[in-house]
Amino acid sequence: MKTLTVSIALSFVLALSGCNTVKGVGQDLQKAGETIEDAVKKK
């Protein structure tokens, strides 16, 4: 669980540094949420 949390946090930081607009942040957050949902469903 700790590894998953660190991975999500790192992905979030990288996503924020990669986008320049509020719209881009929203899209990144949505994709991160979808990834988390997929990971939970696979368990």
PDB file of N, CA and C in Angstrom:
ATOM      1  N   MET A   1       0.828  -1.198   0.000  1.00  0.00           N
ATOM      2  CA  MET A   1       0.000   0.000   0.000  1.00  0.00           C
ATOM      3  C   MET A   1       0.870   1.259   0.000  1.00  0.00           C
ATOM      4  N   LYS A   2       1.976   1.209   0.747  1.00  0.00           N
ATOM      5  CA  LYS A   2       2.857   2.365   0.806  1.00  0.00           C
ATOM      6  C   LYS A   2       3.464   2.657  -0.565  1.00  0.00           C
ATOM      7  N   THR A   3       3.829   1.606  -1.287  1.00  0.00           N
ATOM      8  CA  THR A   3       4.403   1.780  -2.618  1.00  0.00           C
ATOM      9  C   THR A   3       3.391   2.412  -3.566  1.00  0.00           C
ATOM     10  N   LEU A   4       2.144   1.968  -3.463  1.00  0.00           N
ATOM     11  CA  LEU A   4       1.083   2.529  -4.304  1.00  0.00           C
ATOM     12  C   LEU A   4       0.902   4.019  -4.009  1.00  0.00           C
ATOM     13  N   THR A   5       0.890   4.381  -2.751  1.00  0.00           N
ATOM     14  CA  THR A   5       0.722   5.779  -2.355  1.00  0.00           C
ATOM     15  C   THR A   5       1.861   6.640  -2.889  1.00  0.00           C
ATOM     16  N   VAL A   6       3.079   6.153  -2.760  1.00  0.00           N
ATOM     17  CA  VAL A   6       4.239   6.899  -3.253  1.00  0.00           C
ATOM     18  C   VAL A   6       4.172   7.029  -4.769  1.00  0.00           C
ATOM     19  N   SER A   7       3.783   5.970  -5.448  1.00  0.00           N
ATOM     20  CA  SER A   7       3.672   6.008  -6.906  1.00  0.00           C
ATOM     21  C   SER A   7       2.623   7.024  -7.361  1.00  0.00           C
ATOM     22  N   ILE A   8       1.496   7.034  -6.677  1.00  0.00           N
ATOM     23  CA  ILE A   8       0.438   7.984  -7.019  1.00  0.00           C
ATOM     24  C   ILE A   8       0.906   9.412  -6.780  1.00  0.00           C
ATOM     25  N   ALA A   9       1.565   9.643  -5.656  1.00  0.00           N
ATOM     26  CA  ALA A   9       2.054  10.991  -5.350  1.00  0.00           C
ATOM     27  C   ALA A   9       3.077  11.452  -6.388  1.00  0.00           C
ATOM     28  N   LEU A  10       3.980  10.564  -6.757  1.00  0.00           N
ATOM     29  CA  LEU A  10       4.992  10.908  -7.751  1.00  0.00           C
ATOM     30  C   LEU A  10       4.349  11.201  -9.103  1.00  0.00           C
ATOM     31  N   SER A  11       3.385  10.379  -9.492  1.00  0.00           N
ATOM     32  CA  SER A  11       2.676  10.608 -10.746  1.00  0.00           C
ATOM     33  C   SER A  11       1.956  11.946 -10.736  1.00  0.00           C
ATOM     34  N   PHE A  12       1.351  12.272  -9.599  1.00  0.00           N
ATOM     35  CA  PHE A  12       0.632  13.537  -9.461  1.00  0.00           C
ATOM     36  C   PHE A  12       1.579  14.725  -9.637  1.00  0.00           C
ATOM     37  N   VAL A  13       2.741  14.655  -9.007  1.00  0.00           N
ATOM     38  CA  VAL A  13       3.715  15.740  -9.114  1.00  0.00           C
ATOM     39  C   VAL A  13       4.202  15.883 -10.556  1.00  0.00           C
ATOM     40  N   LEU A  14       4.496  14.767 -11.196  1.00  0.00           N
ATOM     41  CA  LEU A  14       4.952  14.822 -12.588  1.00  0.00           C
ATOM     42  C   LEU A  14       3.870  15.359 -13.507  1.00  0.00           C
ATOM     43  N   ALA A  15       2.639  14.966 -13.264  1.00  0.00           N
ATOM     44  CA  ALA A  15       1.532  15.451 -14.088  1.00  0.00           C
ATOM     45  C   ALA A  15       1.361  16.955 -13.931  1.00  0.00           C
ATOM     46  N   LEU A  16       1.465  17.441 -12.709  1.00  0.00           N
ATOM     47  CA  LEU A  16       1.317  18.881 -12.486  1.00  0.00           C
ATOM     48  C   LEU A  16       2.447  19.672 -13.131  1.00  0.00           C
ATOM     49  N   SER A  17       3.640  19.114 -13.116  1.00  0.00           N
ATOM     50  CA  SER A  17       4.755  19.837 -13.720  1.00  0.00           C
ATOM     51  C   SER A  17       4.684  19.811 -15.242  1.00  0.00           C
ATOM     52  N   GLY A  18       3.926  18.865 -15.794  1.00  0.00           N
ATOM     53  CA  GLY A  18       3.842  18.724 -17.241  1.00  0.00           C
ATOM     54  C   GLY A  18       2.755  19.559 -17.895  1.00  0.00           C
ATOM     55  N   CYS A  19       1.799  20.046 -17.123  1.00  0.00           N
ATOM     56  CA  CYS A  19       0.718  20.811 -17.751  1.00  0.00           C
ATOM     57  C   CYS A  19       0.771  22.269 -17.308  1.00  0.00           C
ATOM     58  N   ASN A  20       0.300  23.136 -18.172  1.00  0.00           N
ATOM     59  CA  ASN A  20       0.430  24.569 -17.912  1.00  0.00           C
ATOM     60  C   ASN A  20      -0.897  25.269 -17.674  1.00  0.00           C
ATOM     61  N   THR A  21      -2.007  24.560 -17.810  1.00  0.00           N
ATOM     62  CA  THR A  21      -3.298  25.216 -17.679  1.00  0.00           C
ATOM     63  C   THR A  21      -4.176  24.514 -16.654  1.00  0.00           C
ATOM     64  N   VAL A  22      -5.180  25.189 -16.183  1.00  0.00           N
ATOM     65  CA  VAL A  22      -6.129  24.606 -15.236  1.00  0.00           C
ATOM     66  C   VAL A  22      -6.867  23.452 -15.904  1.00  0.00           C
ATOM     67  N   LYS A  23      -7.194  23.606 -17.162  1.00  0.00           N
ATOM     68  CA  LYS A  23      -7.867  22.539 -17.899  1.00  0.00           C
ATOM     69  C   LYS A  23      -6.966  21.301 -17.962  1.00  0.00           C
ATOM     70  N   GLY A  24      -5.709  21.512 -18.176  1.00  0.00           N
ATOM     71  CA  GLY A  24      -4.751  20.404 -18.226  1.00  0.00           C
ATOM     72  C   GLY A  24      -4.661  19.687 -16.891  1.00  0.00           C
ATOM     73  N   VAL A  25      -4.692  20.439 -15.797  1.00  0.00           N
ATOM     74  CA  VAL A  25      -4.658  19.846 -14.459  1.00  0.00           C
ATOM     75  C   VAL A  25      -5.896  18.981 -14.263  1.00  0.00           C
ATOM     76  N   GLY A  26      -7.044  19.474 -14.673  1.00  0.00           N
ATOM     77  CA  GLY A  26      -8.281  18.710 -14.538  1.00  0.00           C
ATOM     78  C   GLY A  26      -8.226  17.411 -15.320  1.00  0.00           C
ATOM     79  N   GLN A  27      -7.697  17.457 -16.510  1.00  0.00           N
ATOM     80  CA  GLN A  27      -7.578  16.246 -17.330  1.00  0.00           C
ATOM     81  C   GLN A  27      -6.606  15.258 -16.689  1.00  0.00           C
ATOM     82  N   ASP A  28      -5.507  15.763 -16.164  1.00  0.00           N
ATOM     83  CA  ASP A  28      -4.526  14.893 -15.510  1.00  0.00           C
ATOM     84  C   ASP A  28      -5.122  14.231 -14.279  1.00  0.00           C
ATOM     85  N   LEU A  29      -5.870  15.000 -13.497  1.00  0.00           N
ATOM     86  CA  LEU A  29      -6.500  14.438 -12.304  1.00  0.00           C
ATOM     87  C   LEU A  29      -7.525  13.375 -12.673  1.00  0.00           C
ATOM     88  N   GLN A  30      -8.258  13.611 -13.744  1.00  0.00           N
ATOM     89  CA  GLN A  30      -9.248  12.630 -14.183  1.00  0.00           C
ATOM     90  C   GLN A  30      -8.564  11.335 -14.608  1.00  0.00           C
ATOM     91  N   LYS A  31      -7.490  11.433 -15.349  1.00  0.00           N
ATOM     92  CA  LYS A  31      -6.759  10.239 -15.785  1.00  0.00           C
ATOM     93  C   LYS A  31      -6.153   9.511 -14.590  1.00  0.00           C
ATOM     94  N   ALA A  32      -5.641  10.270 -13.619  1.00  0.00           N
ATOM     95  CA  ALA A  32      -5.085   9.641 -12.418  1.00  0.00           C
ATOM     96  C   ALA A  32      -6.176   8.899 -11.655  1.00  0.00           C
ATOM     97  N   GLY A  33      -7.342   9.489 -11.554  1.00  0.00           N
ATOM     98  CA  GLY A  33      -8.470   8.848 -10.888  1.00  0.00           C
ATOM     99  C   GLY A  33      -8.886   7.565 -11.588  1.00  0.00           C
ATOM    100  N   GLU A  34      -8.909   7.597 -12.917  1.00  0.00           N
ATOM    101  CA  GLU A  34      -9.257   6.398 -13.683  1.00  0.00           C
ATOM    102  C   GLU A  34      -8.226   5.298 -13.469  1.00  0.00           C
ATOM    103  N   THR A  35      -6.964   5.668 -13.405  1.00  0.00           N
ATOM    104  CA  THR A  35      -5.899   4.693 -13.179  1.00  0.00           C
ATOM    105  C   THR A  35      -6.041   4.049 -11.805  1.00  0.00           C
ATOM    106  N   ILE A  36      -6.355   4.857 -10.813  1.00  0.00           N
ATOM    107  CA  ILE A  36      -6.546   4.334  -9.458  1.00  0.00           C
ATOM    108  C   ILE A  36      -7.745   3.389  -9.416  1.00  0.00           C
ATOM    109  N   GLU A  37      -8.830   3.773 -10.072  1.00  0.00           N
ATOM    110  CA  GLU A  37     -10.022   2.911 -10.112  1.00  0.00           C
ATOM    111  C   GLU A  37      -9.689   1.576 -10.761  1.00  0.00           C
ATOM    112  N   ASP A  38      -8.955   1.602 -11.851  1.00  0.00           N
ATOM    113  CA  ASP A  38      -8.576   0.364 -12.538  1.00  0.00           C
ATOM    114  C   ASP A  38      -7.715  -0.519 -11.635  1.00  0.00           C
ATOM    115  N   ALA A  39      -6.784   0.107 -10.910  1.00  0.00           N
ATOM    116  CA  ALA A  39      -5.903  -0.658 -10.024  1.00  0.00           C
ATOM    117  C   ALA A  39      -6.725  -1.315  -8.907  1.00  0.00           C
ATOM    118  N   VAL A  40      -7.703  -0.607  -8.384  1.00  0.00           N
ATOM    119  CA  VAL A  40      -8.524  -1.151  -7.300  1.00  0.00           C
ATOM    120  C   VAL A  40      -9.400  -2.293  -7.821  1.00  0.00           C
ATOM    121  N   LYS A  41      -9.920  -2.147  -9.020  1.00  0.00           N
ATOM    122  CA  LYS A  41     -10.800  -3.186  -9.591  1.00  0.00           C
ATOM    123  C   LYS A  41     -10.033  -4.476  -9.861  1.00  0.00           C
ATOM    124  N   LYS A  42      -8.745  -4.378 -10.162  1.00  0.00           N
ATOM    125  CA  LYS A  42      -7.939  -5.553 -10.464  1.00  0.00           C
ATOM    126  C   LYS A  42      -7.633  -6.387  -9.226  1.00  0.00           C
ATOM    127  N   LYS A  43      -7.753  -5.781  -8.042  1.00  0.00           N
ATOM    128  CA  LYS A  43      -7.446  -6.509  -6.809  1.00  0.00           C
ATOM    129  C   LYS A  43      -8.505  -7.452  -6.477  1.00  0.00           C
TER     130      LYS A  43
END
